[in-house]
């Protein structure tokens, strides 16, 4: 049963802030990154936190990143030993989100991030996700042009969208 009052949300909407930052990862906390999300791998290396990368295709990782690699078969144990979990929104597209969320104990700070994570978060919050961070398209015509030209999330943010996140209260 939904106990919200009409118009009242159980989350806070935040613009122009990255989902990584909204997790508020503390020094020495262990982080699991599900999907080889390059910018986050670089940030985690710079922070010095222990971290793991759970990735279906290890060939997407650089040779120096292989020490962080964990296979799908190691996912449950890896997530159990992590304080913070960051899931690329691609897990929604490739239909791996259900087994991932089923492997996470509630109470872990968990974010789903990236342009494919741009949706109302209620169903994900009920499954333990604490941050849903994506993009809001401001100019759909420019977005289509960018995709036709093979552009990336970087191009979307620069040309026709803004970061938007939902954070569970």
N, C-alpha and C. Protein backbone atom coordinates (compact mmCIF):
# COMPACT_ATOMS: atom_id res chain seq x y z
N UNK A 1 0.85 -1.18 0.00
CA UNK A 1 0.00 0.00 0.00
C UNK A 1 0.89 1.24 0.00
N UNK A 2 0.54 2.21 -0.82
CA UNK A 2 1.33 3.44 -0.94
C UNK A 2 0.83 4.43 0.11
N UNK A 3 1.74 4.86 1.00
CA UNK A 3 1.38 5.76 2.09
C UNK A 3 1.73 7.21 1.82
N UNK A 4 2.10 7.52 0.57
CA UNK A 4 2.47 8.90 0.25
C UNK A 4 1.23 9.77 0.12
N UNK A 5 1.38 10.99 0.54
CA UNK A 5 0.33 11.98 0.34
C UNK A 5 0.44 12.45 -1.09
N UNK A 6 -0.69 12.74 -1.74
CA UNK A 6 -0.70 13.21 -3.12
C UNK A 6 0.36 14.29 -3.33
N UNK A 7 1.24 14.09 -4.28
CA UNK A 7 2.27 15.06 -4.60
C UNK A 7 3.53 14.95 -3.76
N UNK A 8 3.51 14.17 -2.69
CA UNK A 8 4.69 14.02 -1.84
C UNK A 8 5.51 12.84 -2.33
N UNK A 9 6.82 13.07 -2.50
CA UNK A 9 7.69 12.00 -2.99
C UNK A 9 8.56 11.49 -1.85
N UNK A 10 9.00 10.25 -1.98
CA UNK A 10 9.87 9.65 -0.98
C UNK A 10 11.34 9.85 -1.35
N UNK A 11 11.59 10.76 -2.27
CA UNK A 11 12.96 10.99 -2.69
C UNK A 11 13.20 12.47 -2.89
N UNK A 12 14.47 12.80 -3.00
CA UNK A 12 14.88 14.17 -3.25
C UNK A 12 15.43 14.21 -4.67
N UNK A 13 15.03 15.22 -5.45
CA UNK A 13 15.53 15.37 -6.81
C UNK A 13 16.68 16.37 -6.77
N UNK A 14 17.82 15.97 -7.32
CA UNK A 14 19.01 16.80 -7.33
C UNK A 14 19.50 16.94 -8.76
N UNK A 15 19.77 18.16 -9.19
CA UNK A 15 20.27 18.41 -10.54
C UNK A 15 21.75 18.71 -10.51
N UNK A 16 22.41 18.40 -11.62
CA UNK A 16 23.81 18.75 -11.86
C UNK A 16 24.78 18.18 -10.83
N UNK A 17 24.47 17.02 -10.29
CA UNK A 17 25.39 16.35 -9.38
C UNK A 17 25.48 14.89 -9.80
N UNK A 18 26.67 14.35 -9.75
CA UNK A 18 26.91 12.99 -10.20
C UNK A 18 26.48 11.97 -9.15
N UNK A 19 25.96 10.83 -9.62
CA UNK A 19 25.53 9.77 -8.73
C UNK A 19 26.64 9.25 -7.84
N UNK A 20 27.85 9.24 -8.35
CA UNK A 20 29.02 8.82 -7.57
C UNK A 20 29.15 9.70 -6.34
N UNK A 21 29.05 11.01 -6.52
CA UNK A 21 29.18 11.94 -5.40
C UNK A 21 28.04 11.79 -4.40
N UNK A 22 26.86 11.48 -4.90
CA UNK A 22 25.69 11.37 -4.02
C UNK A 22 25.75 10.16 -3.10
N UNK A 23 26.57 9.17 -3.43
CA UNK A 23 26.75 8.02 -2.53
C UNK A 23 27.56 8.39 -1.30
N UNK A 24 28.33 9.47 -1.40
CA UNK A 24 29.16 9.95 -0.28
C UNK A 24 30.07 8.84 0.26
N UNK A 25 30.86 8.28 -0.64
CA UNK A 25 31.79 7.21 -0.30
C UNK A 25 32.85 7.75 0.64
N UNK A 26 33.04 7.06 1.74
CA UNK A 26 34.01 7.48 2.75
C UNK A 26 35.36 6.78 2.50
N UNK A 27 36.44 7.40 2.97
CA UNK A 27 37.76 6.78 2.81
C UNK A 27 37.76 5.36 3.40
N UNK A 28 38.42 4.48 2.74
CA UNK A 28 38.61 3.09 3.17
C UNK A 28 37.38 2.22 3.00
N UNK A 29 36.24 2.76 2.54
CA UNK A 29 35.10 1.90 2.25
C UNK A 29 35.37 1.13 0.96
N UNK A 30 34.90 -0.11 0.93
CA UNK A 30 35.06 -0.94 -0.25
C UNK A 30 33.90 -0.70 -1.20
N UNK A 31 34.22 -0.51 -2.47
CA UNK A 31 33.24 -0.19 -3.50
C UNK A 31 33.23 -1.29 -4.56
N UNK A 32 32.03 -1.70 -4.97
CA UNK A 32 31.89 -2.58 -6.13
C UNK A 32 31.27 -1.78 -7.25
N UNK A 33 31.91 -1.84 -8.39
CA UNK A 33 31.43 -1.17 -9.60
C UNK A 33 30.97 -2.27 -10.54
N UNK A 34 29.68 -2.26 -10.85
CA UNK A 34 29.14 -3.27 -11.76
C UNK A 34 29.05 -2.65 -13.14
N UNK A 35 29.98 -3.05 -13.98
CA UNK A 35 30.16 -2.49 -15.32
C UNK A 35 31.43 -1.65 -15.33
N UNK A 36 32.18 -1.77 -16.40
CA UNK A 36 33.46 -1.05 -16.53
C UNK A 36 33.19 0.39 -16.94
N UNK A 37 32.86 1.22 -15.98
CA UNK A 37 32.52 2.62 -16.19
C UNK A 37 33.80 3.43 -15.98
N UNK A 38 34.49 3.72 -17.09
CA UNK A 38 35.82 4.32 -17.07
C UNK A 38 36.02 5.50 -16.13
N UNK A 39 35.15 6.52 -16.19
CA UNK A 39 35.36 7.67 -15.30
C UNK A 39 35.33 7.29 -13.82
N UNK A 40 34.50 6.33 -13.45
CA UNK A 40 34.43 5.92 -12.06
C UNK A 40 35.63 5.07 -11.67
N UNK A 41 36.12 4.26 -12.58
CA UNK A 41 37.33 3.49 -12.30
C UNK A 41 38.48 4.45 -12.00
N UNK A 42 38.62 5.49 -12.82
CA UNK A 42 39.69 6.47 -12.59
C UNK A 42 39.52 7.16 -11.23
N UNK A 43 38.29 7.54 -10.89
CA UNK A 43 38.05 8.21 -9.60
C UNK A 43 38.39 7.29 -8.43
N UNK A 44 37.98 6.04 -8.52
CA UNK A 44 38.25 5.10 -7.43
C UNK A 44 39.76 4.87 -7.27
N UNK A 45 40.49 4.80 -8.37
CA UNK A 45 41.94 4.68 -8.29
C UNK A 45 42.54 5.89 -7.56
N UNK A 46 42.07 7.08 -7.92
CA UNK A 46 42.59 8.31 -7.31
C UNK A 46 42.25 8.38 -5.82
N UNK A 47 41.06 7.91 -5.45
CA UNK A 47 40.64 7.96 -4.05
C UNK A 47 41.43 6.99 -3.18
N UNK A 48 41.87 5.90 -3.76
CA UNK A 48 42.62 4.91 -3.00
C UNK A 48 41.77 3.92 -2.23
N UNK A 49 40.45 3.98 -2.40
CA UNK A 49 39.58 3.01 -1.74
C UNK A 49 39.78 1.63 -2.36
N UNK A 50 39.62 0.57 -1.57
CA UNK A 50 39.60 -0.76 -2.18
C UNK A 50 38.33 -0.87 -3.04
N UNK A 51 38.46 -1.45 -4.23
CA UNK A 51 37.28 -1.60 -5.09
C UNK A 51 37.42 -2.79 -6.01
N UNK A 52 36.26 -3.20 -6.53
CA UNK A 52 36.17 -4.31 -7.46
C UNK A 52 35.36 -3.88 -8.67
N UNK A 53 35.64 -4.49 -9.80
CA UNK A 53 34.86 -4.25 -11.02
C UNK A 53 34.26 -5.59 -11.43
N UNK A 54 32.95 -5.67 -11.40
CA UNK A 54 32.26 -6.86 -11.86
C UNK A 54 31.82 -6.57 -13.28
N UNK A 55 32.35 -7.32 -14.22
CA UNK A 55 32.15 -7.01 -15.63
C UNK A 55 32.01 -8.31 -16.42
N UNK A 56 31.03 -8.34 -17.31
CA UNK A 56 30.81 -9.53 -18.14
C UNK A 56 31.96 -9.75 -19.13
N UNK A 57 32.50 -8.66 -19.65
CA UNK A 57 33.54 -8.75 -20.66
C UNK A 57 34.85 -8.17 -20.12
N UNK A 58 35.73 -9.01 -19.57
CA UNK A 58 36.97 -8.49 -18.99
C UNK A 58 37.88 -7.80 -20.01
N UNK A 59 37.64 -8.03 -21.29
CA UNK A 59 38.45 -7.38 -22.33
C UNK A 59 38.22 -5.87 -22.39
N UNK A 60 37.16 -5.38 -21.74
CA UNK A 60 36.92 -3.94 -21.70
C UNK A 60 37.84 -3.24 -20.69
N UNK A 61 38.49 -4.03 -19.85
CA UNK A 61 39.39 -3.46 -18.83
C UNK A 61 40.80 -3.35 -19.38
N UNK A 62 41.51 -2.34 -18.90
CA UNK A 62 42.93 -2.18 -19.24
C UNK A 62 43.74 -3.20 -18.44
N UNK A 63 44.94 -3.53 -18.91
CA UNK A 63 45.75 -4.52 -18.17
C UNK A 63 45.95 -4.16 -16.70
N UNK A 64 46.16 -2.87 -16.38
CA UNK A 64 46.38 -2.48 -14.98
C UNK A 64 45.10 -2.53 -14.14
N UNK A 65 43.95 -2.70 -14.78
CA UNK A 65 42.67 -2.76 -14.05
C UNK A 65 42.24 -4.20 -13.76
N UNK A 66 42.92 -5.16 -14.35
CA UNK A 66 42.53 -6.56 -14.17
C UNK A 66 42.62 -7.03 -12.71
N UNK A 67 43.46 -6.40 -11.92
CA UNK A 67 43.56 -6.80 -10.50
C UNK A 67 42.27 -6.49 -9.74
N UNK A 68 41.42 -5.61 -10.28
CA UNK A 68 40.14 -5.27 -9.65
C UNK A 68 38.99 -6.14 -10.16
N UNK A 69 39.23 -6.87 -11.23
CA UNK A 69 38.19 -7.64 -11.91
C UNK A 69 37.65 -8.77 -11.05
N UNK A 70 36.33 -8.92 -11.06
CA UNK A 70 35.65 -10.06 -10.47
C UNK A 70 34.62 -10.55 -11.49
N UNK A 71 34.50 -11.85 -11.60
CA UNK A 71 33.56 -12.44 -12.57
C UNK A 71 32.14 -12.46 -12.01
N UNK A 72 31.18 -12.75 -12.88
CA UNK A 72 29.78 -12.89 -12.44
C UNK A 72 29.64 -13.93 -11.33
N UNK A 73 30.42 -15.00 -11.42
CA UNK A 73 30.30 -16.07 -10.42
C UNK A 73 30.78 -15.61 -9.03
N UNK A 74 31.55 -14.53 -8.98
CA UNK A 74 32.04 -13.99 -7.71
C UNK A 74 31.19 -12.81 -7.21
N UNK A 75 30.13 -12.48 -7.95
CA UNK A 75 29.36 -11.28 -7.65
C UNK A 75 28.76 -11.29 -6.23
N UNK A 76 28.08 -12.34 -5.84
CA UNK A 76 27.40 -12.36 -4.54
C UNK A 76 28.40 -12.12 -3.39
N UNK A 77 29.53 -12.81 -3.43
CA UNK A 77 30.54 -12.65 -2.38
C UNK A 77 31.14 -11.26 -2.41
N UNK A 78 31.42 -10.77 -3.62
CA UNK A 78 32.02 -9.44 -3.76
C UNK A 78 31.07 -8.37 -3.22
N UNK A 79 29.79 -8.44 -3.56
CA UNK A 79 28.83 -7.44 -3.10
C UNK A 79 28.64 -7.53 -1.59
N UNK A 80 28.67 -8.73 -1.06
CA UNK A 80 28.52 -8.91 0.40
C UNK A 80 29.65 -8.20 1.14
N UNK A 81 30.84 -8.17 0.52
CA UNK A 81 32.02 -7.57 1.16
C UNK A 81 32.23 -6.11 0.77
N UNK A 82 31.23 -5.49 0.17
CA UNK A 82 31.34 -4.09 -0.25
C UNK A 82 30.44 -3.20 0.60
N UNK A 83 30.88 -1.96 0.79
CA UNK A 83 30.08 -0.99 1.52
C UNK A 83 29.17 -0.21 0.57
N UNK A 84 29.70 0.08 -0.61
CA UNK A 84 28.98 0.89 -1.60
C UNK A 84 28.98 0.14 -2.92
N UNK A 85 27.86 0.26 -3.65
CA UNK A 85 27.73 -0.45 -4.92
C UNK A 85 27.24 0.53 -5.97
N UNK A 86 27.94 0.56 -7.10
CA UNK A 86 27.56 1.42 -8.22
C UNK A 86 27.28 0.52 -9.41
N UNK A 87 26.08 0.63 -9.95
CA UNK A 87 25.64 -0.21 -11.07
C UNK A 87 25.44 0.68 -12.28
N UNK A 88 26.05 0.33 -13.39
CA UNK A 88 25.80 1.08 -14.61
C UNK A 88 24.38 0.81 -15.09
N UNK A 89 23.73 1.84 -15.62
CA UNK A 89 22.37 1.70 -16.12
C UNK A 89 22.25 0.69 -17.23
N UNK A 90 23.36 0.29 -17.82
CA UNK A 90 23.33 -0.74 -18.86
C UNK A 90 22.73 -2.04 -18.33
N UNK A 91 22.81 -2.26 -17.03
CA UNK A 91 22.22 -3.47 -16.43
C UNK A 91 20.70 -3.50 -16.64
N UNK A 92 20.09 -2.34 -16.81
CA UNK A 92 18.66 -2.28 -17.11
C UNK A 92 18.40 -2.75 -18.54
N UNK A 93 19.29 -2.36 -19.43
CA UNK A 93 19.13 -2.66 -20.85
C UNK A 93 19.46 -4.12 -21.15
N UNK A 94 20.50 -4.65 -20.52
CA UNK A 94 20.91 -6.02 -20.84
C UNK A 94 20.25 -7.06 -19.93
N UNK A 95 19.26 -6.66 -19.16
CA UNK A 95 18.42 -7.55 -18.34
C UNK A 95 19.19 -8.28 -17.24
N UNK A 96 20.23 -7.65 -16.70
CA UNK A 96 20.96 -8.26 -15.59
C UNK A 96 20.64 -7.61 -14.25
N UNK A 97 19.76 -6.61 -14.24
CA UNK A 97 19.49 -5.85 -13.02
C UNK A 97 18.86 -6.72 -11.92
N UNK A 98 17.97 -7.64 -12.27
CA UNK A 98 17.31 -8.46 -11.24
C UNK A 98 18.29 -9.33 -10.46
N UNK A 99 19.16 -10.11 -11.13
CA UNK A 99 20.11 -10.89 -10.32
C UNK A 99 21.09 -10.02 -9.54
N UNK A 100 21.41 -8.85 -10.07
CA UNK A 100 22.31 -7.95 -9.34
C UNK A 100 21.64 -7.48 -8.06
N UNK A 101 20.43 -6.93 -8.18
CA UNK A 101 19.73 -6.41 -6.99
C UNK A 101 19.42 -7.52 -5.99
N UNK A 102 19.18 -8.73 -6.49
CA UNK A 102 18.92 -9.86 -5.59
C UNK A 102 20.15 -10.25 -4.79
N UNK A 103 21.34 -9.88 -5.28
CA UNK A 103 22.59 -10.22 -4.59
C UNK A 103 23.02 -9.17 -3.57
N UNK A 104 22.27 -8.07 -3.48
CA UNK A 104 22.66 -6.97 -2.60
C UNK A 104 21.81 -7.00 -1.34
N UNK A 105 22.47 -6.99 -0.19
CA UNK A 105 21.76 -6.91 1.08
C UNK A 105 21.25 -5.48 1.25
N UNK A 106 20.02 -5.36 1.69
CA UNK A 106 19.49 -4.01 1.96
C UNK A 106 20.36 -3.35 3.01
N UNK A 107 20.47 -2.06 2.93
CA UNK A 107 21.29 -1.31 3.86
C UNK A 107 22.61 -0.88 3.23
N UNK A 108 22.97 -1.47 2.10
CA UNK A 108 24.17 -1.04 1.38
C UNK A 108 23.80 0.20 0.57
N UNK A 109 24.70 1.16 0.52
CA UNK A 109 24.45 2.33 -0.34
C UNK A 109 24.66 1.88 -1.78
N UNK A 110 23.61 1.99 -2.58
CA UNK A 110 23.62 1.48 -3.94
C UNK A 110 23.11 2.55 -4.89
N UNK A 111 23.84 2.74 -5.99
CA UNK A 111 23.43 3.70 -7.02
C UNK A 111 23.36 3.01 -8.37
N UNK A 112 22.35 3.38 -9.14
CA UNK A 112 22.28 3.01 -10.55
C UNK A 112 22.54 4.30 -11.31
N UNK A 113 23.52 4.30 -12.21
CA UNK A 113 23.97 5.54 -12.83
C UNK A 113 24.08 5.42 -14.35
N UNK A 114 24.02 6.58 -14.99
CA UNK A 114 24.23 6.66 -16.43
C UNK A 114 22.96 7.04 -17.16
N UNK A 115 23.09 7.40 -18.43
CA UNK A 115 21.93 7.85 -19.21
C UNK A 115 20.79 6.84 -19.24
N UNK A 116 21.08 5.55 -19.17
CA UNK A 116 20.01 4.55 -19.19
C UNK A 116 19.35 4.38 -17.83
N UNK A 117 19.78 5.14 -16.83
CA UNK A 117 19.16 5.10 -15.50
C UNK A 117 18.26 6.31 -15.30
N UNK A 118 17.72 6.83 -16.36
CA UNK A 118 16.91 8.05 -16.30
C UNK A 118 15.43 7.72 -16.23
N UNK A 119 14.99 7.29 -15.07
CA UNK A 119 13.58 6.94 -14.90
C UNK A 119 13.16 7.17 -13.46
N UNK A 120 11.86 7.18 -13.24
CA UNK A 120 11.34 7.35 -11.89
C UNK A 120 11.80 6.15 -11.06
N UNK A 121 12.35 6.40 -9.88
CA UNK A 121 13.08 5.36 -9.14
C UNK A 121 12.27 4.47 -8.20
N UNK A 122 10.98 4.68 -8.05
CA UNK A 122 10.22 4.01 -6.99
C UNK A 122 10.45 2.50 -6.92
N UNK A 123 10.36 1.80 -8.05
CA UNK A 123 10.53 0.35 -8.05
C UNK A 123 11.93 -0.05 -7.60
N UNK A 124 12.92 0.77 -7.94
CA UNK A 124 14.30 0.46 -7.57
C UNK A 124 14.55 0.75 -6.10
N UNK A 125 13.94 1.81 -5.57
CA UNK A 125 14.07 2.12 -4.15
C UNK A 125 13.49 0.98 -3.31
N UNK A 126 12.41 0.37 -3.77
CA UNK A 126 11.82 -0.75 -3.04
C UNK A 126 12.74 -1.96 -3.01
N UNK A 127 13.69 -2.02 -3.97
CA UNK A 127 14.64 -3.13 -4.04
C UNK A 127 15.97 -2.78 -3.37
N UNK A 128 16.06 -1.62 -2.69
CA UNK A 128 17.26 -1.28 -1.93
C UNK A 128 18.17 -0.25 -2.55
N UNK A 129 17.87 0.20 -3.75
CA UNK A 129 18.70 1.24 -4.38
C UNK A 129 18.49 2.55 -3.62
N UNK A 130 19.56 3.32 -3.43
CA UNK A 130 19.46 4.58 -2.69
C UNK A 130 19.64 5.80 -3.58
N UNK A 131 20.29 5.63 -4.74
CA UNK A 131 20.50 6.73 -5.68
C UNK A 131 20.21 6.24 -7.09
N UNK A 132 19.40 6.98 -7.82
CA UNK A 132 19.13 6.71 -9.24
C UNK A 132 19.56 7.97 -9.98
N UNK A 133 20.67 7.90 -10.71
CA UNK A 133 21.24 9.10 -11.32
C UNK A 133 21.38 8.92 -12.83
N UNK A 134 20.74 9.79 -13.58
CA UNK A 134 20.78 9.72 -15.03
C UNK A 134 20.87 11.10 -15.64
N UNK A 135 20.20 11.26 -16.77
CA UNK A 135 20.18 12.55 -17.45
C UNK A 135 18.75 12.90 -17.83
N UNK A 136 18.52 14.17 -17.94
CA UNK A 136 17.25 14.70 -18.43
C UNK A 136 17.55 15.37 -19.77
N UNK A 137 16.89 14.92 -20.81
CA UNK A 137 17.12 15.48 -22.14
C UNK A 137 16.40 16.82 -22.24
N UNK A 138 17.14 17.85 -22.61
CA UNK A 138 16.58 19.19 -22.75
C UNK A 138 16.24 19.53 -24.19
N UNK A 139 16.92 18.87 -25.14
CA UNK A 139 16.67 19.14 -26.55
C UNK A 139 16.69 17.81 -27.30
N UNK A 140 15.51 17.19 -27.51
CA UNK A 140 15.45 15.87 -28.14
C UNK A 140 15.97 15.85 -29.58
N UNK A 141 15.81 16.93 -30.31
CA UNK A 141 16.30 16.96 -31.69
C UNK A 141 17.82 16.86 -31.73
N UNK A 142 18.49 17.58 -30.83
CA UNK A 142 19.94 17.51 -30.76
C UNK A 142 20.37 16.12 -30.28
N UNK A 143 19.63 15.53 -29.34
CA UNK A 143 19.94 14.19 -28.86
C UNK A 143 19.93 13.18 -30.00
N UNK A 144 18.91 13.23 -30.82
CA UNK A 144 18.81 12.29 -31.95
C UNK A 144 19.98 12.50 -32.91
N UNK A 145 20.33 13.73 -33.17
CA UNK A 145 21.47 14.03 -34.04
C UNK A 145 22.76 13.45 -33.46
N UNK A 146 22.96 13.60 -32.15
CA UNK A 146 24.15 13.07 -31.49
C UNK A 146 24.21 11.55 -31.63
N UNK A 147 23.08 10.87 -31.40
CA UNK A 147 23.06 9.42 -31.51
C UNK A 147 23.32 8.96 -32.94
N UNK A 148 22.75 9.65 -33.90
CA UNK A 148 22.97 9.30 -35.31
C UNK A 148 24.43 9.44 -35.68
N UNK A 149 25.13 10.35 -35.02
CA UNK A 149 26.55 10.56 -35.30
C UNK A 149 27.46 9.71 -34.42
N UNK A 150 26.86 8.82 -33.63
CA UNK A 150 27.65 7.92 -32.79
C UNK A 150 28.16 8.57 -31.51
N UNK A 151 27.50 9.61 -31.05
CA UNK A 151 27.93 10.31 -29.84
C UNK A 151 27.73 9.48 -28.59
N UNK A 152 28.30 9.95 -27.50
CA UNK A 152 28.27 9.24 -26.22
C UNK A 152 27.58 10.08 -25.16
N UNK A 153 27.57 9.55 -23.94
CA UNK A 153 27.00 10.29 -22.81
C UNK A 153 27.70 11.63 -22.62
N UNK A 154 28.99 11.64 -22.86
CA UNK A 154 29.75 12.90 -22.76
C UNK A 154 29.14 13.96 -23.68
N UNK A 155 28.83 13.57 -24.90
CA UNK A 155 28.25 14.51 -25.87
C UNK A 155 26.85 14.94 -25.45
N UNK A 156 26.07 14.00 -24.89
CA UNK A 156 24.72 14.35 -24.41
C UNK A 156 24.80 15.43 -23.34
N UNK A 157 25.69 15.24 -22.37
CA UNK A 157 25.80 16.20 -21.27
C UNK A 157 26.29 17.56 -21.76
N UNK A 158 27.15 17.54 -22.71
CA UNK A 158 27.72 18.79 -23.22
C UNK A 158 26.72 19.55 -24.09
N UNK A 159 25.88 18.84 -24.83
CA UNK A 159 25.07 19.46 -25.87
C UNK A 159 23.58 19.63 -25.55
N UNK A 160 22.96 18.64 -24.87
CA UNK A 160 21.49 18.69 -24.84
C UNK A 160 20.84 18.10 -23.59
N UNK A 161 21.59 17.92 -22.51
CA UNK A 161 20.96 17.33 -21.33
C UNK A 161 21.61 17.87 -20.06
N UNK A 162 21.01 17.49 -18.94
CA UNK A 162 21.57 17.84 -17.63
C UNK A 162 21.52 16.60 -16.75
N UNK A 163 22.44 16.53 -15.81
CA UNK A 163 22.43 15.44 -14.85
C UNK A 163 21.24 15.63 -13.92
N UNK A 164 20.59 14.52 -13.59
CA UNK A 164 19.49 14.56 -12.64
C UNK A 164 19.55 13.27 -11.82
N UNK A 165 19.29 13.37 -10.54
CA UNK A 165 19.34 12.21 -9.66
C UNK A 165 18.17 12.23 -8.70
N UNK A 166 17.76 11.03 -8.33
CA UNK A 166 16.77 10.84 -7.28
C UNK A 166 17.51 10.16 -6.13
N UNK A 167 17.40 10.71 -4.93
CA UNK A 167 18.06 10.16 -3.77
C UNK A 167 17.00 9.79 -2.76
N UNK A 168 17.01 8.54 -2.32
CA UNK A 168 16.02 8.06 -1.36
C UNK A 168 16.22 8.78 -0.03
N UNK A 169 15.12 9.27 0.53
CA UNK A 169 15.19 9.97 1.82
C UNK A 169 15.33 9.00 2.95
